[in-house]
């Protein structure tokens, strides 16, 4: 997968609740007021020997709390809980030849260990993240099933291209030859640990934020979501946590990256590149 599903577990719970489609909340309007700004119209970029384009597919979710996130995932999430993706397009010269590398980190395939939503669901139902048949037949109580969202999965990989995502924004930054080589080395699978994939650690947005720092374009990428200790589904209450350390989760978000890239373009620190990218 080219995306990560930070709260898809909430989506599953919300679907059971049959949450109705709702108009944007005031918190959503406040979070995304910047989307009303007029975007540049150029469909070309200044071609240089070395540059990088940061790309993001942002779905504009409501991060006020886990309930707001649930509702916005249902209303605005485009892939059943998908919260977006971010990646880079790197161009330069290596060994005298043009070199282009496009992609980013991905993971959560569910082949060797449960996906994040599956792990939380299993904790709630069986008391184990990856229960055996014996454990399913003899379930136990897990007081903090949401804790699986903090786990590291070991099925990450380098996703070439955008993984099927259509970007909502793109920004270009010129590089020096030294910056280009540093980023190219950083993206090398022998240097970067693509295998470890984590909602609160290495994932697509955190990958882009780190590369942006190397390119001399520090961007914001983090968001905090409050997590209620339980959720009521129908007439039954499901416990998500008893340990307060799980009362909020911090993670790198495509929505935050999009806003930061827009600010970088408006401040002249980067060049608008969405039209160019879509026209290639």
Protein backbone atom coordinates (compact mmCIF):
# COMPACT_ATOMS: atom_id res chain seq x y z
CA UNK A 1 0.00 0.00 0.00
CA UNK A 2 1.20 3.50 -0.79
CA UNK A 3 -0.68 4.93 2.15
CA UNK A 4 -1.08 4.39 5.86
CA UNK A 5 -4.36 4.00 7.74
CA UNK A 6 -3.83 5.66 11.11
CA UNK A 7 -7.48 5.41 12.15
CA UNK A 8 -8.98 2.75 9.93
CA UNK A 9 -9.85 0.89 13.12
CA UNK A 10 -12.15 3.81 13.93
CA UNK A 11 -13.68 3.55 10.46
CA UNK A 12 -14.62 -0.09 11.10
CA UNK A 13 -16.22 0.84 14.39
CA UNK A 14 -18.01 3.79 12.84
CA UNK A 15 -19.38 1.72 9.96
CA UNK A 16 -20.90 -0.62 12.52
CA UNK A 17 -22.48 2.48 14.05
CA UNK A 18 -23.83 3.49 10.61
CA UNK A 19 -22.69 7.09 11.02
CA UNK A 20 -24.55 9.36 8.62
CA UNK A 21 -22.93 11.66 6.10
CA UNK A 22 -22.41 15.04 7.71
CA UNK A 23 -21.47 18.50 6.43
CA UNK A 24 -18.05 19.95 7.33
CA UNK A 25 -17.79 20.87 11.00
CA UNK A 26 -16.61 24.23 12.31
CA UNK A 27 -13.36 22.59 13.41
CA UNK A 28 -12.84 21.29 9.87
CA UNK A 29 -13.53 24.71 8.37
CA UNK A 30 -11.01 26.26 10.73
CA UNK A 31 -8.35 23.64 10.00
CA UNK A 32 -8.68 24.09 6.25
CA UNK A 33 -9.45 27.77 5.82
CA UNK A 34 -6.23 28.09 3.82
CA UNK A 35 -7.76 26.01 1.01
CA UNK A 36 -9.75 29.10 0.02
CA UNK A 37 -6.55 30.79 -1.11
CA UNK A 38 -6.05 31.18 -4.86
CA UNK A 39 -3.49 28.73 -6.17
CA UNK A 40 -0.85 29.54 -8.79
CA UNK A 41 -1.87 28.79 -12.37
CA UNK A 42 1.52 27.98 -13.90
CA UNK A 43 1.81 24.56 -15.50
CA UNK A 44 5.57 24.61 -15.99
CA UNK A 45 8.57 24.73 -13.69
CA UNK A 46 12.06 26.15 -14.05
CA UNK A 47 14.10 23.19 -15.28
CA UNK A 48 17.50 22.99 -13.59
CA UNK A 49 20.13 20.27 -13.37
CA UNK A 50 19.23 19.35 -9.81
CA UNK A 51 15.84 19.67 -8.12
CA UNK A 52 13.23 17.84 -6.07
CA UNK A 53 9.44 17.98 -6.16
CA UNK A 54 7.49 17.17 -3.02
CA UNK A 55 4.10 15.61 -3.73
CA UNK A 56 1.15 15.02 -1.45
CA UNK A 57 -2.30 13.49 -1.82
CA UNK A 58 -4.17 15.15 1.06
CA UNK A 59 -7.73 14.15 1.97
CA UNK A 60 -8.40 17.01 4.40
CA UNK A 61 -9.56 15.06 7.44
CA UNK A 62 -10.79 16.50 10.73
CA UNK A 63 -8.19 15.91 13.46
CA UNK A 64 -10.08 17.51 16.34
CA UNK A 65 -10.50 14.13 18.07
CA UNK A 66 -11.05 10.48 17.19
CA UNK A 67 -14.81 10.96 16.65
CA UNK A 68 -14.22 13.89 14.28
CA UNK A 69 -11.60 11.81 12.49
CA UNK A 70 -14.04 8.91 12.16
CA UNK A 71 -16.71 11.12 10.63
CA UNK A 72 -14.33 12.80 8.21
CA UNK A 73 -12.85 9.46 7.16
CA UNK A 74 -16.34 8.36 6.21
CA UNK A 75 -17.26 11.65 4.52
CA UNK A 76 -13.95 12.57 2.90
CA UNK A 77 -11.69 9.51 3.05
CA UNK A 78 -11.42 8.24 -0.50
CA UNK A 79 -10.20 4.71 0.08
CA UNK A 80 -12.16 3.42 3.06
CA UNK A 81 -10.07 4.97 5.80
CA UNK A 82 -7.17 6.09 3.64
CA UNK A 83 -5.70 9.32 4.97
CA UNK A 84 -3.48 10.11 2.02
CA UNK A 85 0.08 9.75 0.82
CA UNK A 86 3.25 11.76 0.28
CA UNK A 87 6.29 11.11 -1.91
CA UNK A 88 9.10 12.82 -3.85
CA UNK A 89 10.30 13.27 -7.42
CA UNK A 90 14.08 13.67 -7.46
CA UNK A 91 16.03 14.71 -10.57
CA UNK A 92 19.74 15.25 -11.08
CA UNK A 93 22.87 14.03 -12.80
CA UNK A 94 24.73 10.93 -11.65
CA UNK A 95 27.87 9.63 -13.35
CA UNK A 96 27.27 12.06 -16.21
CA UNK A 97 23.77 10.78 -16.93
CA UNK A 98 20.30 12.18 -16.06
CA UNK A 99 18.91 10.43 -13.00
CA UNK A 100 15.26 10.50 -11.91
CA UNK A 101 13.91 8.74 -8.84
CA UNK A 102 10.26 9.03 -7.81
CA UNK A 103 8.71 7.38 -4.79
CA UNK A 104 8.59 7.11 -1.01
CA UNK A 105 7.96 4.73 1.84
CA UNK A 106 4.97 2.44 2.10
CA UNK A 107 3.94 -0.63 4.05
CA UNK A 108 1.23 -2.33 6.09
CA UNK A 109 0.62 -5.14 3.63
CA UNK A 110 -0.76 -7.50 6.25
CA UNK A 111 1.14 -10.51 4.90
CA UNK A 112 3.44 -11.23 7.84
CA UNK A 113 1.64 -9.43 10.68
CA UNK A 114 -1.76 -7.79 11.15
CA UNK A 115 -2.42 -4.38 9.65
CA UNK A 116 -2.95 -1.67 12.23
CA UNK A 117 -6.75 -1.83 12.15
CA UNK A 118 -6.66 -5.62 12.26
CA UNK A 119 -4.37 -5.63 15.29
CA UNK A 120 -6.62 -3.26 17.24
CA UNK A 121 -9.71 -5.21 16.23
CA UNK A 122 -8.08 -8.48 17.32
CA UNK A 123 -7.06 -6.96 20.66
CA UNK A 124 -10.67 -5.90 21.25
CA UNK A 125 -12.14 -9.22 20.21
CA UNK A 126 -9.56 -11.76 21.39
CA UNK A 127 -7.06 -9.91 23.59
CA UNK A 128 -4.19 -10.68 21.21
CA UNK A 129 -2.98 -8.67 18.19
CA UNK A 130 -2.27 -11.78 16.11
CA UNK A 131 -4.16 -14.58 17.84
CA UNK A 132 -3.60 -18.26 17.18
CA UNK A 133 -6.57 -20.57 16.79
CA UNK A 134 -6.10 -21.62 20.40
CA UNK A 135 -6.09 -18.00 21.57
CA UNK A 136 -9.20 -17.25 19.53
CA UNK A 137 -10.92 -20.14 21.30
CA UNK A 138 -9.74 -18.81 24.67
CA UNK A 139 -9.83 -15.01 24.41
CA UNK A 140 -8.59 -12.72 27.16
CA UNK A 141 -9.22 -9.10 28.07
CA UNK A 142 -6.77 -6.49 26.73
CA UNK A 143 -7.17 -3.17 28.58
CA UNK A 144 -5.40 -1.13 25.88
CA UNK A 145 -6.31 -2.51 22.43
CA UNK A 146 -5.48 0.83 20.79
CA UNK A 147 -1.81 0.26 21.67
CA UNK A 148 -1.28 -1.63 18.42
CA UNK A 149 -1.28 1.71 16.59
CA UNK A 150 2.09 2.36 18.26
CA UNK A 151 3.66 -0.87 17.02
CA UNK A 152 6.40 -1.14 14.38
CA UNK A 153 5.49 -3.38 11.46
CA UNK A 154 8.21 -5.06 9.43
CA UNK A 155 6.58 -5.16 6.00
CA UNK A 156 7.56 -1.71 4.73
CA UNK A 157 9.09 -1.11 1.30
CA UNK A 158 10.05 1.58 -1.20
CA UNK A 159 6.96 2.49 -3.25
CA UNK A 160 7.94 3.57 -6.75
CA UNK A 161 5.96 6.52 -8.07
CA UNK A 162 2.87 7.70 -6.26
CA UNK A 163 1.35 4.29 -5.61
CA UNK A 164 -1.77 5.15 -7.60
CA UNK A 165 -2.40 8.44 -5.79
CA UNK A 166 -3.24 11.67 -7.58
CA UNK A 167 -1.47 14.56 -5.87
CA UNK A 168 -3.44 17.48 -4.49
CA UNK A 169 -0.35 19.68 -4.26
CA UNK A 170 3.28 19.70 -5.37
CA UNK A 171 6.18 22.04 -4.72
CA UNK A 172 9.63 22.14 -6.32
CA UNK A 173 12.94 23.14 -4.76
CA UNK A 174 16.27 23.51 -6.56
CA UNK A 175 19.16 21.50 -5.17
CA UNK A 176 22.91 21.69 -5.21
CA UNK A 177 24.77 18.68 -6.54
CA UNK A 178 25.78 17.88 -2.97
CA UNK A 179 22.17 17.98 -1.74
CA UNK A 180 21.07 15.80 -4.65
CA UNK A 181 23.68 13.14 -3.88
CA UNK A 182 22.89 13.23 -0.18
CA UNK A 183 19.17 12.70 -0.81
CA UNK A 184 19.86 10.01 -3.41
CA UNK A 185 22.06 8.17 -0.91
CA UNK A 186 19.42 8.61 1.81
CA UNK A 187 16.76 7.02 -0.43
CA UNK A 188 18.98 4.02 -1.19
CA UNK A 189 17.30 0.88 0.29
CA UNK A 190 20.70 -0.13 1.68
CA UNK A 191 20.82 3.12 3.67
CA UNK A 192 17.20 3.80 4.63
CA UNK A 193 15.25 1.20 6.60
CA UNK A 194 12.12 0.92 4.47
CA UNK A 195 11.19 -2.40 6.10
CA UNK A 196 10.19 -0.86 9.42
CA UNK A 197 6.83 0.87 8.97
CA UNK A 198 5.15 2.72 11.82
CA UNK A 199 2.24 5.11 12.18
CA UNK A 200 4.14 7.06 14.84
CA UNK A 201 7.58 6.57 13.26
CA UNK A 202 8.78 5.88 9.75
CA UNK A 203 6.05 6.21 7.12
CA UNK A 204 5.38 8.15 3.95
CA UNK A 205 4.88 11.61 5.44
CA UNK A 206 7.76 11.42 7.90
CA UNK A 207 9.95 10.23 5.01
CA UNK A 208 9.04 13.31 2.95
CA UNK A 209 9.58 15.65 5.90
CA UNK A 210 13.08 14.25 6.44
CA UNK A 211 13.99 14.60 2.77
CA UNK A 212 12.63 18.16 2.76
CA UNK A 213 14.96 19.03 5.63
CA UNK A 214 17.91 17.75 3.58
CA UNK A 215 16.74 19.92 0.68
CA UNK A 216 16.82 23.01 2.87
CA UNK A 217 13.03 23.24 3.10
CA UNK A 218 11.96 22.43 6.67
CA UNK A 219 8.23 21.71 6.68
CA UNK A 220 5.65 20.92 9.32
CA UNK A 221 4.21 17.42 9.24
CA UNK A 222 2.96 16.41 12.70
CA UNK A 223 -0.58 16.29 14.03
CA UNK A 224 -2.03 15.18 17.37
CA UNK A 225 -5.35 13.36 17.67
CA UNK A 226 -7.10 12.84 21.00
CA UNK A 227 -8.32 9.29 21.57
CA UNK A 228 -11.33 8.68 23.83
CA UNK A 229 -10.91 5.81 26.32
CA UNK A 230 -13.90 3.98 24.85
CA UNK A 231 -16.45 4.05 22.06
CA UNK A 232 -20.11 3.14 22.18
CA UNK A 233 -21.24 1.03 19.25
CA UNK A 234 -24.94 0.37 19.24
CA UNK A 235 -25.68 -0.39 22.87
CA UNK A 236 -22.24 -1.77 23.70
CA UNK A 237 -19.21 0.15 24.93
CA UNK A 238 -15.79 -0.91 23.65
CA UNK A 239 -12.72 -0.04 25.68
CA UNK A 240 -9.82 1.45 23.69
CA UNK A 241 -7.45 2.19 26.55
CA UNK A 242 -7.09 2.36 30.32
CA UNK A 243 -3.52 3.69 30.35
CA UNK A 244 -3.62 7.50 29.81
CA UNK A 245 -0.49 7.36 27.66
CA UNK A 246 -2.77 6.24 24.84
CA UNK A 247 -5.10 9.24 25.23
CA UNK A 248 -3.60 10.92 22.20
CA UNK A 249 -1.53 9.90 19.23
CA UNK A 250 1.02 11.97 17.33
CA UNK A 251 1.83 11.18 13.73
CA UNK A 252 3.05 12.70 10.49
CA UNK A 253 0.15 13.70 8.24
CA UNK A 254 -0.19 14.41 4.49
CA UNK A 255 -2.71 17.15 5.35
CA UNK A 256 -0.15 19.03 7.44
CA UNK A 257 2.51 18.58 4.76
CA UNK A 258 0.16 19.99 2.10
CA UNK A 259 -0.50 23.12 4.17
CA UNK A 260 3.21 23.59 4.84
CA UNK A 261 4.09 23.19 1.15
CA UNK A 262 1.47 25.78 0.23
CA UNK A 263 3.00 28.19 2.74
CA UNK A 264 6.46 27.53 1.30
CA UNK A 265 5.25 28.42 -2.20
CA UNK A 266 3.41 31.56 -1.05
CA UNK A 267 6.55 32.70 0.81
CA UNK A 268 8.76 32.12 -2.23
CA UNK A 269 10.75 29.28 -0.67
CA UNK A 270 9.47 26.74 -3.21
CA UNK A 271 7.93 26.72 -6.69
CA UNK A 272 4.40 25.52 -7.44
CA UNK A 273 4.65 22.29 -9.42
CA UNK A 274 1.26 20.55 -9.43
CA UNK A 275 0.27 21.61 -12.95
CA UNK A 276 3.65 20.60 -14.32
CA UNK A 277 3.49 17.20 -12.64
CA UNK A 278 -0.03 16.41 -13.87
CA UNK A 279 0.85 17.50 -17.42
CA UNK A 280 3.98 15.35 -17.75
